[in-house]
Amino acid sequence: MKSGEQKMNEDNYIGFKKRLSAVEIYTYELLCPHHIFLSLILFAVIHGYHNRRETYGAPKVNTY
């Protein structure tokens, strides 16, 4: 019978072997449908903010 610590070490090793590389995780995140949707919203918000700054100028700061 295996001790709890030995079993935990084996589980960690198996988890390490199955762990995905950063590129695989990033690719999955990009292809995930709701992440694509959230990325588009974020892009639109940032793009709209920059267009507003170019159109109306930077916000005026009151100096007293």
Protein backbone atom coordinates (compact mmCIF):
# COMPACT_ATOMS: atom_id res chain seq x y z
CA MET A 1 0.00 0.00 0.00
CA LYS A 2 1.34 3.43 -0.92
CA SER A 3 1.63 6.25 1.54
CA GLY A 4 -0.34 9.44 0.94
CA GLU A 5 2.84 11.42 0.22
CA GLN A 6 4.06 8.89 -2.36
CA LYS A 7 0.66 8.87 -4.10
CA MET A 8 0.60 12.69 -4.14
CA ASN A 9 4.09 12.82 -5.69
CA GLU A 10 3.03 10.37 -8.42
CA ASP A 11 -0.10 12.43 -9.15
CA ASN A 12 2.00 15.60 -9.44
CA TYR A 13 4.38 13.87 -11.84
CA ILE A 14 1.52 12.63 -14.03
CA GLY A 15 -0.03 16.11 -13.96
CA PHE A 16 3.31 17.59 -14.98
CA LYS A 17 3.61 15.19 -17.93
CA LYS A 18 0.09 16.05 -19.10
CA ARG A 19 0.56 19.80 -18.68
CA LEU A 20 0.17 21.76 -21.92
CA SER A 21 2.82 24.08 -23.25
CA ALA A 22 2.20 27.82 -23.11
CA VAL A 23 1.68 27.95 -26.89
CA GLU A 24 -0.98 25.23 -26.74
CA ILE A 25 -2.80 27.00 -23.91
CA TYR A 26 -2.62 30.38 -25.70
CA THR A 27 -3.94 28.82 -28.93
CA TYR A 28 -6.83 27.21 -27.04
CA GLU A 29 -7.65 30.51 -25.33
CA LEU A 30 -7.71 32.31 -28.70
CA LEU A 31 -10.02 29.71 -30.24
CA CYS A 32 -12.42 29.55 -27.29
CA PRO A 33 -15.65 31.20 -28.59
CA HIS A 34 -16.48 33.36 -25.59
CA HIS A 35 -12.86 34.54 -25.36
CA ILE A 36 -13.02 35.65 -29.00
CA PHE A 37 -16.19 37.59 -28.16
CA LEU A 38 -14.61 39.20 -25.08
CA SER A 39 -11.48 40.09 -27.07
CA LEU A 40 -13.59 41.82 -29.73
CA ILE A 41 -15.44 43.83 -27.07
CA LEU A 42 -12.15 44.85 -25.46
CA PHE A 43 -10.72 45.84 -28.84
CA ALA A 44 -13.82 47.92 -29.65
CA VAL A 45 -13.73 49.69 -26.29
CA ILE A 46 -10.02 50.55 -26.60
CA HIS A 47 -10.42 51.60 -30.24
CA GLY A 48 -13.42 53.80 -29.40
CA TYR A 49 -11.57 55.41 -26.50
CA HIS A 50 -8.61 56.31 -28.69
CA ASN A 51 -10.87 57.70 -31.43
CA ARG A 52 -12.67 59.85 -28.86
CA ARG A 53 -9.36 61.26 -27.63
CA GLU A 54 -8.27 62.10 -31.18
CA THR A 55 -11.63 63.73 -32.02
CA TYR A 56 -12.19 65.78 -28.89
CA GLY A 57 -8.63 66.09 -27.62
CA ALA A 58 -7.26 64.87 -24.35
CA PRO A 59 -9.37 65.60 -21.28
CA LYS A 60 -8.67 68.99 -19.73
CA VAL A 61 -7.12 68.90 -16.29
CA ASN A 62 -8.00 71.72 -13.92
CA THR A 63 -4.93 73.27 -12.30
CA TYR A 64 -5.67 75.47 -9.33
